[in-house]
Every structure is written in C-alpha cells, then in structure tokens.
Amino acid sequence: MHNTLTRLALVGGMLAITTLGANAHDHGGEMSIDALLEADYRDDDRARDQYRNPAETLEFFGIKPNMVLGEYGPGGGWYTRILAPMVAKKGTYVGINADVETYNAGQDAERNAQRKLFPTTFPTKVTEWTGLSGDNISAVEVDEAPEWAGKLDAIVTFRGLHGLTRKNLADETLKHFYGLLKPGGIVGVVQHRAKEDAPYDYARGFRGYLKQSEVIATFESQGFELVKTAEINANPADEANWEKGVWTLPPTLTNGDTDREKYMAIGETDRMTLLFKKP
C-alpha cells in the first residue's frame, strides 16, 4: 500500500518533488497525471491501467485541470478517482447519471428510488474514495441539470454508450450533452468496438459492442463534429464476436474458469477512442 502521493511542481524554475498524505489533496499546485495514477486509493484500480491507458486517453481528449468536466455514467468510479482529483482544485467535476425514469423504466421501484438520490449520494462517495473536500464536486441526472446548461467544457464517457443504444436513448442523451456543453465544448468517448462487418443484431449494444462508424453517425446526427480518432485503447486480439459479449473478457470473465487463460491473454476489449466537439 502506498502511504504518500507524489507531487511534481515547478519551483523557482526547477522541478520539485514533494509528497502528500494518502487522502490529502493539493492546495498549492497542480497534480501531474502520473502522480494521480499512483494515489494509494487507486491500488485496486491500477491493474486496469495497462488496458485503459488513462494518461494517454485523457491527454488525447485534452482534459485540463481548470475545466468544468462532466463524466457520464461514472458507475463504480474507476475513472472518477482520476478525474475528480484532476479538476477539483482549479475546475469542477460533475458526475452525470442517466435519466432514471427512462433508462431504468420498469425496474425495481425501490432500487430506482435509490438511483434518484445520485445527485446527493455520489459526491459523498467521491470524497470517501479520494479524500477530497467535496468542494467543486457535483452530480446530476442528465435530464435534470438546468444549472449546468451551457457551462461544461467537456464530457467524457467510458464504455457506456452500448446501454443507451440498446435502450434507444442515445439520441436523447446526446441532445442533453449538447445542451450542457459550452460552444466549442468537447465529448471524449471510449467504447467497446464491434467489427464493421458484424451482424446488425450483434452490434446494437446488447453484447456491449458498437460499430465505430455508427457511433460517429449518431453523434453527428445530434450536431456534434468529429475532431479526431485514436487507437490508444485498441486491442487487435479481441475477436469481438463472443456469444456472451464484452463480458467474456476481463475483468468480468463471465465464463468463469472455462478458457480463463485464453481470455486473460487477450485482455480487455478492443475499444474506439473518439473526440467530438459542439460547434
């Protein structure tokens, strides 16, 4: 277990290295991405770095510490534990959840009532995970965020578009993204990637995979412009035709011990990495 968090800063024109306590955060300077990745609260997360390439991905997106940054679908917080500390000093972190009434329609009423508490419960989780004070940390439902309309510099979403696609909610949700962003604001996307010749039924999101061309077309249909693409999170070893979809591969390994070594050798899924902007 790491006991301290390294800080890199320019002092008098020279690179100084200091340390922060495990749950402290920097009030005097900007944390480097390498320091954030080595935070002790990421000990359980770090094994995924080799597949998810967070430093390279966030650099590609152009995420800066002074941004008002939204993260759509933060889930268990793997990226949140990087993003919130990255922007909490000079910018703002906003966790963005799905519209519960539509995304979770027909599901357990008690569970949905808990989901509706996301705007109040999620910032508390972020402070518990990271030791941040809670200042400049917020959370909203995507359809209930008038206070953020036209104020976000960026929205990022990781491996979550397939859920919106299979529920026919992608267009509606991207309209909300568009409304939340400033003119010139960006959307960074990482998503499990289907082969372009995959059968229609396979690439509709039910197995987690989507075609890159169709993701781009969906964003463009809602007024976004494609800025650039990258292969940062590509994995050519992923055949992307598993009967049980993306969950066949790590970290889920839905087949258990059956062919476990084979799937571990493949690694996590092949993923597209896309950057869009609101004109």
C-alpha atoms as a PDB file:
ATOM      1  CA  MET A   1       0.000   0.000   0.000  1.00  0.00           C
ATOM      2  CA  HIS A   2       1.329   3.443  -0.918  1.00  0.00           C
ATOM      3  CA  ASN A   3       1.457   5.820   2.044  1.00  0.00           C
ATOM      4  CA  THR A   4       2.093   9.031   0.164  1.00  0.00           C
ATOM      5  CA  LEU A   5       1.182  10.724  -3.088  1.00  0.00           C
ATOM      6  CA  THR A   6       3.966  12.277  -5.152  1.00  0.00           C
ATOM      7  CA  ARG A   7       3.570  15.862  -6.339  1.00  0.00           C
ATOM      8  CA  LEU A   8       5.536  17.390  -9.184  1.00  0.00           C
ATOM      9  CA  ALA A   9       5.699  21.175  -9.414  1.00  0.00           C
ATOM     10  CA  LEU A  10       7.901  23.910 -10.829  1.00  0.00           C
ATOM     11  CA  VAL A  11       9.524  25.894  -8.043  1.00  0.00           C
ATOM     12  CA  GLY A  12      11.936  28.678  -8.999  1.00  0.00           C
ATOM     13  CA  GLY A  13      12.251  27.178 -12.456  1.00  0.00           C
ATOM     14  CA  MET A  14      13.268  23.747 -11.126  1.00  0.00           C
ATOM     15  CA  LEU A  15      11.245  20.560 -10.796  1.00  0.00           C
ATOM     16  CA  ALA A  16      10.432  19.920  -7.167  1.00  0.00           C
ATOM     17  CA  ILE A  17       9.117  16.641  -5.813  1.00  0.00           C
ATOM     18  CA  THR A  18       7.090  16.655  -2.614  1.00  0.00           C
ATOM     19  CA  THR A  19       4.608  14.219  -1.105  1.00  0.00           C
ATOM     20  CA  LEU A  20       1.050  14.360   0.086  1.00  0.00           C
ATOM     21  CA  GLY A  21      -0.645  12.122   2.585  1.00  0.00           C
ATOM     22  CA  ALA A  22      -2.664   9.258   1.231  1.00  0.00           C
ATOM     23  CA  ASN A  23      -6.013  11.039   1.432  1.00  0.00           C
ATOM     24  CA  ALA A  24      -4.815  14.619   1.140  1.00  0.00           C
ATOM     25  CA  HIS A  25      -5.131  16.711  -1.969  1.00  0.00           C
ATOM     26  CA  ASP A  26      -3.013  19.512  -3.329  1.00  0.00           C
ATOM     27  CA  HIS A  27      -3.936  23.086  -2.427  1.00  0.00           C
ATOM     28  CA  GLY A  28      -0.734  24.648  -3.650  1.00  0.00           C
ATOM     29  CA  GLY A  29      -0.168  23.375  -7.151  1.00  0.00           C
ATOM     30  CA  GLU A  30      -1.306  21.199  -9.989  1.00  0.00           C
ATOM     31  CA  MET A  31      -1.071  17.405  -9.728  1.00  0.00           C
ATOM     32  CA  SER A  32       0.589  15.566 -12.576  1.00  0.00           C
ATOM     33  CA  ILE A  33      -1.353  12.725 -14.164  1.00  0.00           C
ATOM     34  CA  ASP A  34       1.407  10.302 -13.170  1.00  0.00           C
ATOM     35  CA  ALA A  35       1.037  11.344  -9.536  1.00  0.00           C
ATOM     36  CA  LEU A  36      -2.727  10.939  -9.689  1.00  0.00           C
ATOM     37  CA  LEU A  37      -2.376   7.438 -11.097  1.00  0.00           C
ATOM     38  CA  GLU A  38      -0.109   6.465  -8.210  1.00  0.00           C
ATOM     39  CA  ALA A  39      -2.516   7.619  -5.473  1.00  0.00           C
ATOM     40  CA  ASP A  40      -2.960   4.931  -2.847  1.00  0.00           C
ATOM     41  CA  TYR A  41      -6.745   4.920  -3.218  1.00  0.00           C
ATOM     42  CA  ARG A  42      -6.124   3.546  -6.728  1.00  0.00           C
ATOM     43  CA  ASP A  43      -4.370   0.420  -5.524  1.00  0.00           C
ATOM     44  CA  ASP A  44      -7.299  -1.773  -6.589  1.00  0.00           C
ATOM     45  CA  ASP A  45      -7.755   0.150  -9.850  1.00  0.00           C
ATOM     46  CA  ARG A  46      -4.201   0.174 -11.105  1.00  0.00           C
ATOM     47  CA  ALA A  47      -4.221  -3.311 -12.658  1.00  0.00           C
ATOM     48  CA  ARG A  48      -6.606  -1.983 -15.326  1.00  0.00           C
ATOM     49  CA  ASP A  49      -4.283   0.867 -16.378  1.00  0.00           C
ATOM     50  CA  GLN A  50      -2.495  -1.358 -18.896  1.00  0.00           C
ATOM     51  CA  TYR A  51      -5.772  -1.850 -20.755  1.00  0.00           C
ATOM     52  CA  ARG A  52      -7.446   1.518 -20.205  1.00  0.00           C
ATOM     53  CA  ASN A  53      -4.441   3.791 -20.761  1.00  0.00           C
ATOM     54  CA  PRO A  54      -5.807   6.694 -18.715  1.00  0.00           C
ATOM     55  CA  ALA A  55      -2.862   9.077 -19.106  1.00  0.00           C
ATOM     56  CA  GLU A  56      -2.779   8.760 -22.888  1.00  0.00           C
ATOM     57  CA  THR A  57      -6.575   8.822 -23.175  1.00  0.00           C
ATOM     58  CA  LEU A  58      -7.039  11.996 -21.132  1.00  0.00           C
ATOM     59  CA  GLU A  59      -4.180  13.680 -22.981  1.00  0.00           C
ATOM     60  CA  PHE A  60      -5.846  12.789 -26.281  1.00  0.00           C
ATOM     61  CA  PHE A  61      -9.128  14.279 -25.075  1.00  0.00           C
ATOM     62  CA  GLY A  62      -7.333  17.411 -23.907  1.00  0.00           C
ATOM     63  CA  ILE A  63      -8.677  17.297 -20.353  1.00  0.00           C
ATOM     64  CA  LYS A  64      -7.236  20.148 -18.267  1.00  0.00           C
ATOM     65  CA  PRO A  65      -7.316  20.822 -14.504  1.00  0.00           C
ATOM     66  CA  ASN A  66      -9.248  24.087 -14.943  1.00  0.00           C
ATOM     67  CA  MET A  67     -12.157  22.514 -16.835  1.00  0.00           C
ATOM     68  CA  VAL A  68     -15.756  22.150 -15.791  1.00  0.00           C
ATOM     69  CA  LEU A  69     -15.792  18.432 -16.534  1.00  0.00           C
ATOM     70  CA  GLY A  70     -18.735  16.067 -16.710  1.00  0.00           C
ATOM     71  CA  GLU A  71     -18.358  12.299 -16.514  1.00  0.00           C
ATOM     72  CA  TYR A  72     -21.375  10.445 -17.857  1.00  0.00           C
ATOM     73  CA  GLY A  73     -22.106   7.100 -16.224  1.00  0.00           C
ATOM     74  CA  PRO A  74     -19.324   7.062 -13.607  1.00  0.00           C
ATOM     75  CA  GLY A  75     -20.533   3.714 -12.256  1.00  0.00           C
ATOM     76  CA  GLY A  76     -18.093   2.300  -9.743  1.00  0.00           C
ATOM     77  CA  GLY A  77     -15.785   5.287 -10.085  1.00  0.00           C
ATOM     78  CA  TRP A  78     -12.733   3.837 -11.842  1.00  0.00           C
ATOM     79  CA  TYR A  79     -12.210   6.977 -13.911  1.00  0.00           C
ATOM     80  CA  THR A  80     -13.791   9.229 -11.270  1.00  0.00           C
ATOM     81  CA  ARG A  81     -10.898   8.519  -8.924  1.00  0.00           C
ATOM     82  CA  ILE A  82      -8.608  10.071 -11.546  1.00  0.00           C
ATOM     83  CA  LEU A  83     -10.843  12.809 -12.908  1.00  0.00           C
ATOM     84  CA  ALA A  84     -12.213  14.337  -9.715  1.00  0.00           C
ATOM     85  CA  PRO A  85      -8.780  14.945  -8.138  1.00  0.00           C
ATOM     86  CA  MET A  86      -7.534  16.198 -11.503  1.00  0.00           C
ATOM     87  CA  VAL A  87     -10.025  19.070 -11.708  1.00  0.00           C
ATOM     88  CA  ALA A  88     -11.212  19.660  -8.147  1.00  0.00           C
ATOM     89  CA  LYS A  89      -8.588  22.318  -7.368  1.00  0.00           C
ATOM     90  CA  LYS A  90      -8.962  24.650 -10.374  1.00  0.00           C
ATOM     91  CA  GLY A  91     -12.106  23.395 -12.086  1.00  0.00           C
ATOM     92  CA  THR A  92     -15.229  21.392 -11.280  1.00  0.00           C
ATOM     93  CA  TYR A  93     -16.134  17.718 -11.504  1.00  0.00           C
ATOM     94  CA  VAL A  94     -19.747  16.844 -12.347  1.00  0.00           C
ATOM     95  CA  GLY A  95     -20.884  13.232 -12.225  1.00  0.00           C
ATOM     96  CA  ILE A  96     -23.718  12.706 -14.699  1.00  0.00           C
ATOM     97  CA  ASN A  97     -26.146   9.832 -14.323  1.00  0.00           C
ATOM     98  CA  ALA A  98     -28.752   8.548 -16.765  1.00  0.00           C
ATOM     99  CA  ASP A  99     -32.364   9.677 -16.646  1.00  0.00           C
ATOM    100  CA  VAL A 100     -33.680   7.119 -14.166  1.00  0.00           C
ATOM    101  CA  GLU A 101     -37.301   7.283 -15.393  1.00  0.00           C
ATOM    102  CA  THR A 102     -36.323   6.235 -18.915  1.00  0.00           C
ATOM    103  CA  TYR A 103     -33.085   4.281 -18.556  1.00  0.00           C
ATOM    104  CA  ASN A 104     -34.394   2.196 -15.657  1.00  0.00           C
ATOM    105  CA  ALA A 105     -38.069   2.177 -16.614  1.00  0.00           C
ATOM    106  CA  GLY A 106     -39.911  -0.867 -15.319  1.00  0.00           C
ATOM    107  CA  GLN A 107     -37.168  -1.890 -12.912  1.00  0.00           C
ATOM    108  CA  ASP A 108     -37.461  -2.341  -9.158  1.00  0.00           C
ATOM    109  CA  ALA A 109     -39.113   0.772  -7.706  1.00  0.00           C
ATOM    110  CA  GLU A 110     -37.073   0.734  -4.506  1.00  0.00           C
ATOM    111  CA  ARG A 111     -33.826   0.451  -6.456  1.00  0.00           C
ATOM    112  CA  ASN A 112     -34.884   3.298  -8.728  1.00  0.00           C
ATOM    113  CA  ALA A 113     -35.650   5.442  -5.701  1.00  0.00           C
ATOM    114  CA  GLN A 114     -32.052   4.885  -4.599  1.00  0.00           C
ATOM    115  CA  ARG A 115     -30.809   5.800  -8.081  1.00  0.00           C
ATOM    116  CA  LYS A 116     -32.729   9.073  -7.870  1.00  0.00           C
ATOM    117  CA  LEU A 117     -30.566  10.015  -4.893  1.00  0.00           C
ATOM    118  CA  PHE A 118     -27.443  10.059  -7.111  1.00  0.00           C
ATOM    119  CA  PRO A 119     -27.082  13.886  -7.048  1.00  0.00           C
ATOM    120  CA  THR A 120     -26.650  13.802  -3.282  1.00  0.00           C
ATOM    121  CA  THR A 121     -25.040  10.416  -2.687  1.00  0.00           C
ATOM    122  CA  PHE A 122     -22.427  10.389  -5.446  1.00  0.00           C
ATOM    123  CA  PRO A 123     -20.414  13.450  -4.293  1.00  0.00           C
ATOM    124  CA  THR A 124     -20.181  11.787  -0.879  1.00  0.00           C
ATOM    125  CA  LYS A 125     -18.790   8.641  -2.500  1.00  0.00           C
ATOM    126  CA  VAL A 126     -16.186  10.722  -4.348  1.00  0.00           C
ATOM    127  CA  THR A 127     -14.990  12.328  -1.116  1.00  0.00           C
ATOM    128  CA  GLU A 128     -14.837   8.920   0.576  1.00  0.00           C
ATOM    129  CA  TRP A 129     -12.854   7.424  -2.306  1.00  0.00           C
ATOM    130  CA  THR A 130     -10.360  10.247  -2.723  1.00  0.00           C
ATOM    131  CA  GLY A 131     -10.253  12.304   0.461  1.00  0.00           C
ATOM    132  CA  LEU A 132     -11.267  15.438  -1.453  1.00  0.00           C
ATOM    133  CA  SER A 133     -13.207  18.040   0.500  1.00  0.00           C
ATOM    134  CA  GLY A 134     -16.273  17.924  -1.703  1.00  0.00           C
ATOM    135  CA  ASP A 135     -15.774  21.475  -2.938  1.00  0.00           C
ATOM    136  CA  ASN A 136     -16.175  21.691  -6.727  1.00  0.00           C
ATOM    137  CA  ILE A 137     -17.712  18.213  -6.880  1.00  0.00           C
ATOM    138  CA  SER A 138     -21.292  17.873  -8.052  1.00  0.00           C
ATOM    139  CA  ALA A 139     -23.648  15.274  -9.516  1.00  0.00           C
ATOM    140  CA  VAL A 140     -26.819  15.438 -11.619  1.00  0.00           C
ATOM    141  CA  GLU A 141     -29.180  13.398 -13.727  1.00  0.00           C
ATOM    142  CA  VAL A 142     -28.566  14.158 -17.377  1.00  0.00           C
ATOM    143  CA  ASP A 143     -32.110  15.454 -17.897  1.00  0.00           C
ATOM    144  CA  GLU A 144     -32.297  17.438 -14.644  1.00  0.00           C
ATOM    145  CA  ALA A 145     -29.329  19.788 -14.782  1.00  0.00           C
ATOM    146  CA  PRO A 146     -30.513  23.300 -15.766  1.00  0.00           C
ATOM    147  CA  GLU A 147     -27.841  24.847 -13.546  1.00  0.00           C
ATOM    148  CA  TRP A 148     -25.151  23.409 -15.837  1.00  0.00           C
ATOM    149  CA  ALA A 149     -26.731  24.284 -19.177  1.00  0.00           C
ATOM    150  CA  GLY A 150     -24.066  25.696 -21.491  1.00  0.00           C
ATOM    151  CA  LYS A 151     -21.406  25.589 -18.763  1.00  0.00           C
ATOM    152  CA  LEU A 152     -19.437  22.360 -19.255  1.00  0.00           C
ATOM    153  CA  ASP A 153     -16.101  22.442 -21.052  1.00  0.00           C
ATOM    154  CA  ALA A 154     -16.056  18.698 -21.582  1.00  0.00           C
ATOM    155  CA  ILE A 155     -17.992  15.482 -21.071  1.00  0.00           C
ATOM    156  CA  VAL A 156     -16.308  12.087 -21.057  1.00  0.00           C
ATOM    157  CA  THR A 157     -17.970   8.706 -21.215  1.00  0.00           C
ATOM    158  CA  PHE A 158     -16.263   5.344 -20.913  1.00  0.00           C
ATOM    159  CA  ARG A 159     -17.728   2.056 -22.141  1.00  0.00           C
ATOM    160  CA  GLY A 160     -21.306   3.201 -21.614  1.00  0.00           C
ATOM    161  CA  LEU A 161     -22.832   4.012 -24.987  1.00  0.00           C
ATOM    162  CA  HIS A 162     -23.997   0.449 -25.609  1.00  0.00           C
ATOM    163  CA  GLY A 163     -26.515   0.732 -22.776  1.00  0.00           C
ATOM    164  CA  LEU A 164     -28.001   3.871 -24.294  1.00  0.00           C
ATOM    165  CA  THR A 165     -28.073   2.268 -27.744  1.00  0.00           C
ATOM    166  CA  ARG A 166     -29.861  -0.895 -26.729  1.00  0.00           C
ATOM    167  CA  LYS A 167     -32.463   1.191 -24.859  1.00  0.00           C
ATOM    168  CA  ASN A 168     -32.890   3.585 -27.819  1.00  0.00           C
ATOM    169  CA  LEU A 169     -31.800   6.503 -25.637  1.00  0.00           C
ATOM    170  CA  ALA A 170     -28.588   7.553 -27.373  1.00  0.00           C
ATOM    171  CA  ASP A 171     -30.112  10.399 -29.398  1.00  0.00           C
ATOM    172  CA  GLU A 172     -31.970  11.847 -26.427  1.00  0.00           C
ATOM    173  CA  THR A 173     -28.943  11.636 -24.163  1.00  0.00           C
ATOM    174  CA  LEU A 174     -26.649  13.278 -26.712  1.00  0.00           C
ATOM    175  CA  LYS A 175     -29.143  16.138 -27.001  1.00  0.00           C
ATOM    176  CA  HIS A 176     -28.691  16.634 -23.257  1.00  0.00           C
ATOM    177  CA  PHE A 177     -24.907  16.546 -23.704  1.00  0.00           C
ATOM    178  CA  TYR A 178     -25.189  19.229 -26.367  1.00  0.00           C
ATOM    179  CA  GLY A 179     -27.233  21.428 -24.062  1.00  0.00           C
ATOM    180  CA  LEU A 180     -24.825  21.053 -21.157  1.00  0.00           C
ATOM    181  CA  LEU A 181     -21.721  21.951 -23.164  1.00  0.00           C
ATOM    182  CA  LYS A 182     -20.366  25.394 -23.923  1.00  0.00           C
ATOM    183  CA  PRO A 183     -19.930  26.255 -27.610  1.00  0.00           C
ATOM    184  CA  GLY A 184     -16.686  24.526 -28.568  1.00  0.00           C
ATOM    185  CA  GLY A 185     -17.085  22.058 -25.708  1.00  0.00           C
ATOM    186  CA  ILE A 186     -15.870  18.516 -26.276  1.00  0.00           C
ATOM    187  CA  VAL A 187     -17.065  14.952 -25.740  1.00  0.00           C
ATOM    188  CA  GLY A 188     -14.493  12.203 -25.249  1.00  0.00           C
ATOM    189  CA  VAL A 189     -15.681   8.659 -25.903  1.00  0.00           C
ATOM    190  CA  VAL A 190     -14.177   5.249 -25.206  1.00  0.00           C
ATOM    191  CA  GLN A 191     -16.424   2.383 -26.275  1.00  0.00           C
ATOM    192  CA  HIS A 192     -16.202  -1.355 -26.956  1.00  0.00           C
ATOM    193  CA  ARG A 193     -15.788  -1.678 -30.718  1.00  0.00           C
ATOM    194  CA  ALA A 194     -17.577  -4.153 -32.985  1.00  0.00           C
ATOM    195  CA  LYS A 195     -16.181  -5.165 -36.348  1.00  0.00           C
ATOM    196  CA  GLU A 196     -17.621  -3.056 -39.142  1.00  0.00           C
ATOM    197  CA  ASP A 197     -18.969  -6.207 -40.814  1.00  0.00           C
ATOM    198  CA  ALA A 198     -20.567  -7.521 -37.620  1.00  0.00           C
ATOM    199  CA  PRO A 199     -24.197  -8.641 -37.984  1.00  0.00           C
ATOM    200  CA  TYR A 200     -26.788  -5.981 -37.183  1.00  0.00           C
ATOM    201  CA  ASP A 201     -28.126  -7.809 -34.139  1.00  0.00           C
ATOM    202  CA  TYR A 202     -24.641  -8.253 -32.694  1.00  0.00           C
ATOM    203  CA  ALA A 203     -23.686  -4.574 -32.728  1.00  0.00           C
ATOM    204  CA  ARG A 204     -26.806  -2.974 -31.256  1.00  0.00           C
ATOM    205  CA  GLY A 205     -25.338  -2.836 -27.759  1.00  0.00           C
ATOM    206  CA  PHE A 206     -26.816  -5.958 -26.218  1.00  0.00           C
ATOM    207  CA  ARG A 207     -23.369  -7.574 -26.193  1.00  0.00           C
ATOM    208  CA  GLY A 208     -21.584  -4.330 -25.334  1.00  0.00           C
ATOM    209  CA  TYR A 209     -20.094  -3.768 -28.784  1.00  0.00           C
ATOM    210  CA  LEU A 210     -20.953  -0.936 -31.193  1.00  0.00           C
ATOM    211  CA  LYS A 211     -19.621  -0.115 -34.648  1.00  0.00           C
ATOM    212  CA  GLN A 212     -17.359   2.923 -34.701  1.00  0.00           C
ATOM    213  CA  SER A 213     -18.988   4.248 -37.868  1.00  0.00           C
ATOM    214  CA  GLU A 214     -22.409   4.113 -36.238  1.00  0.00           C
ATOM    215  CA  VAL A 215     -21.241   5.861 -33.068  1.00  0.00           C
ATOM    216  CA  ILE A 216     -19.801   8.660 -35.188  1.00  0.00           C
ATOM    217  CA  ALA A 217     -23.006   8.892 -37.214  1.00  0.00           C
ATOM    218  CA  THR A 218     -25.100   9.114 -34.057  1.00  0.00           C
ATOM    219  CA  PHE A 219     -23.052  11.988 -32.656  1.00  0.00           C
ATOM    220  CA  GLU A 220     -23.089  13.822 -35.968  1.00  0.00           C
ATOM    221  CA  SER A 221     -26.864  13.439 -36.199  1.00  0.00           C
ATOM    222  CA  GLN A 222     -27.115  15.415 -32.953  1.00  0.00           C
ATOM    223  CA  GLY A 223     -24.976  18.293 -34.189  1.00  0.00           C
ATOM    224  CA  PHE A 224     -21.541  17.213 -32.963  1.00  0.00           C
ATOM    225  CA  GLU A 225     -18.451  17.333 -35.136  1.00  0.00           C
ATOM    226  CA  LEU A 226     -15.849  14.573 -35.110  1.00  0.00           C
ATOM    227  CA  VAL A 227     -12.494  16.102 -34.200  1.00  0.00           C
ATOM    228  CA  LYS A 228     -10.230  13.046 -34.299  1.00  0.00           C
ATOM    229  CA  THR A 229      -9.942   9.356 -33.542  1.00  0.00           C
ATOM    230  CA  ALA A 230      -7.214   7.303 -31.886  1.00  0.00           C
ATOM    231  CA  GLU A 231      -6.180   3.690 -31.415  1.00  0.00           C
ATOM    232  CA  ILE A 232      -4.967   4.240 -27.847  1.00  0.00           C
ATOM    233  CA  ASN A 233      -7.387   1.647 -26.484  1.00  0.00           C
ATOM    234  CA  ALA A 234      -7.352  -0.740 -29.445  1.00  0.00           C
ATOM    235  CA  ASN A 235      -6.861  -4.458 -28.894  1.00  0.00           C
ATOM    236  CA  PRO A 236      -6.479  -6.407 -32.159  1.00  0.00           C
ATOM    237  CA  ALA A 237      -6.526  -9.681 -30.212  1.00  0.00           C
ATOM    238  CA  ASP A 238     -10.182  -9.166 -29.333  1.00  0.00           C
ATOM    239  CA  GLU A 239     -12.247 -11.061 -31.914  1.00  0.00           C
ATOM    240  CA  ALA A 240     -15.324  -9.037 -30.854  1.00  0.00           C
ATOM    241  CA  ASN A 241     -17.690 -11.883 -31.693  1.00  0.00           C
ATOM    242  CA  TRP A 242     -18.134 -13.558 -28.312  1.00  0.00           C
ATOM    243  CA  GLU A 243     -21.516 -15.158 -27.656  1.00  0.00           C
ATOM    244  CA  LYS A 244     -21.606 -13.522 -24.237  1.00  0.00           C
ATOM    245  CA  GLY A 245     -20.250 -10.243 -25.495  1.00  0.00           C
ATOM    246  CA  VAL A 246     -17.712  -7.969 -23.874  1.00  0.00           C
ATOM    247  CA  TRP A 247     -18.223  -9.650 -20.513  1.00  0.00           C
ATOM    248  CA  THR A 248     -16.450 -12.749 -21.836  1.00  0.00           C
ATOM    249  CA  LEU A 249     -13.127 -10.926 -21.451  1.00  0.00           C
ATOM    250  CA  PRO A 250     -11.567  -9.460 -18.312  1.00  0.00           C
ATOM    251  CA  PRO A 251     -12.356  -8.017 -15.924  1.00  0.00           C
ATOM    252  CA  THR A 252     -15.770  -9.773 -15.878  1.00  0.00           C
ATOM    253  CA  LEU A 253     -14.798 -13.214 -17.268  1.00  0.00           C
ATOM    254  CA  THR A 254     -18.404 -14.348 -17.352  1.00  0.00           C
ATOM    255  CA  ASN A 255     -17.365 -17.901 -18.335  1.00  0.00           C
ATOM    256  CA  GLY A 256     -15.531 -18.304 -15.060  1.00  0.00           C
ATOM    257  CA  ASP A 257     -12.625 -20.723 -15.247  1.00  0.00           C
ATOM    258  CA  THR A 258     -13.566 -22.006 -18.711  1.00  0.00           C
ATOM    259  CA  ASP A 259     -10.814 -20.833 -21.080  1.00  0.00           C
ATOM    260  CA  ARG A 260      -9.764 -18.313 -18.454  1.00  0.00           C
ATOM    261  CA  GLU A 261      -6.119 -18.275 -19.517  1.00  0.00           C
ATOM    262  CA  LYS A 262      -7.144 -17.654 -23.128  1.00  0.00           C
ATOM    263  CA  TYR A 263      -9.281 -14.662 -22.202  1.00  0.00           C
ATOM    264  CA  MET A 264      -6.709 -13.245 -19.815  1.00  0.00           C
ATOM    265  CA  ALA A 265      -4.095 -13.453 -22.564  1.00  0.00           C
ATOM    266  CA  ILE A 266      -6.404 -11.468 -24.866  1.00  0.00           C
ATOM    267  CA  GLY A 267      -7.004  -8.792 -22.241  1.00  0.00           C
ATOM    268  CA  GLU A 268      -9.813  -6.265 -22.182  1.00  0.00           C
ATOM    269  CA  THR A 269     -11.902  -5.463 -25.254  1.00  0.00           C
ATOM    270  CA  ASP A 270     -10.942  -3.637 -28.416  1.00  0.00           C
ATOM    271  CA  ARG A 271     -12.101  -0.034 -27.966  1.00  0.00           C
ATOM    272  CA  MET A 272     -12.606   3.018 -30.110  1.00  0.00           C
ATOM    273  CA  THR A 273     -11.377   6.359 -28.771  1.00  0.00           C
ATOM    274  CA  LEU A 274     -13.176   9.332 -30.271  1.00  0.00           C
ATOM    275  CA  LEU A 275     -13.233  13.089 -29.720  1.00  0.00           C
ATOM    276  CA  PHE A 276     -16.195  15.243 -30.728  1.00  0.00           C
ATOM    277  CA  LYS A 277     -16.983  18.913 -30.267  1.00  0.00           C
ATOM    278  CA  LYS A 278     -20.022  21.132 -30.104  1.00  0.00           C
ATOM    279  CA  PRO A 279     -19.544  23.786 -32.804  1.00  0.00           C
END
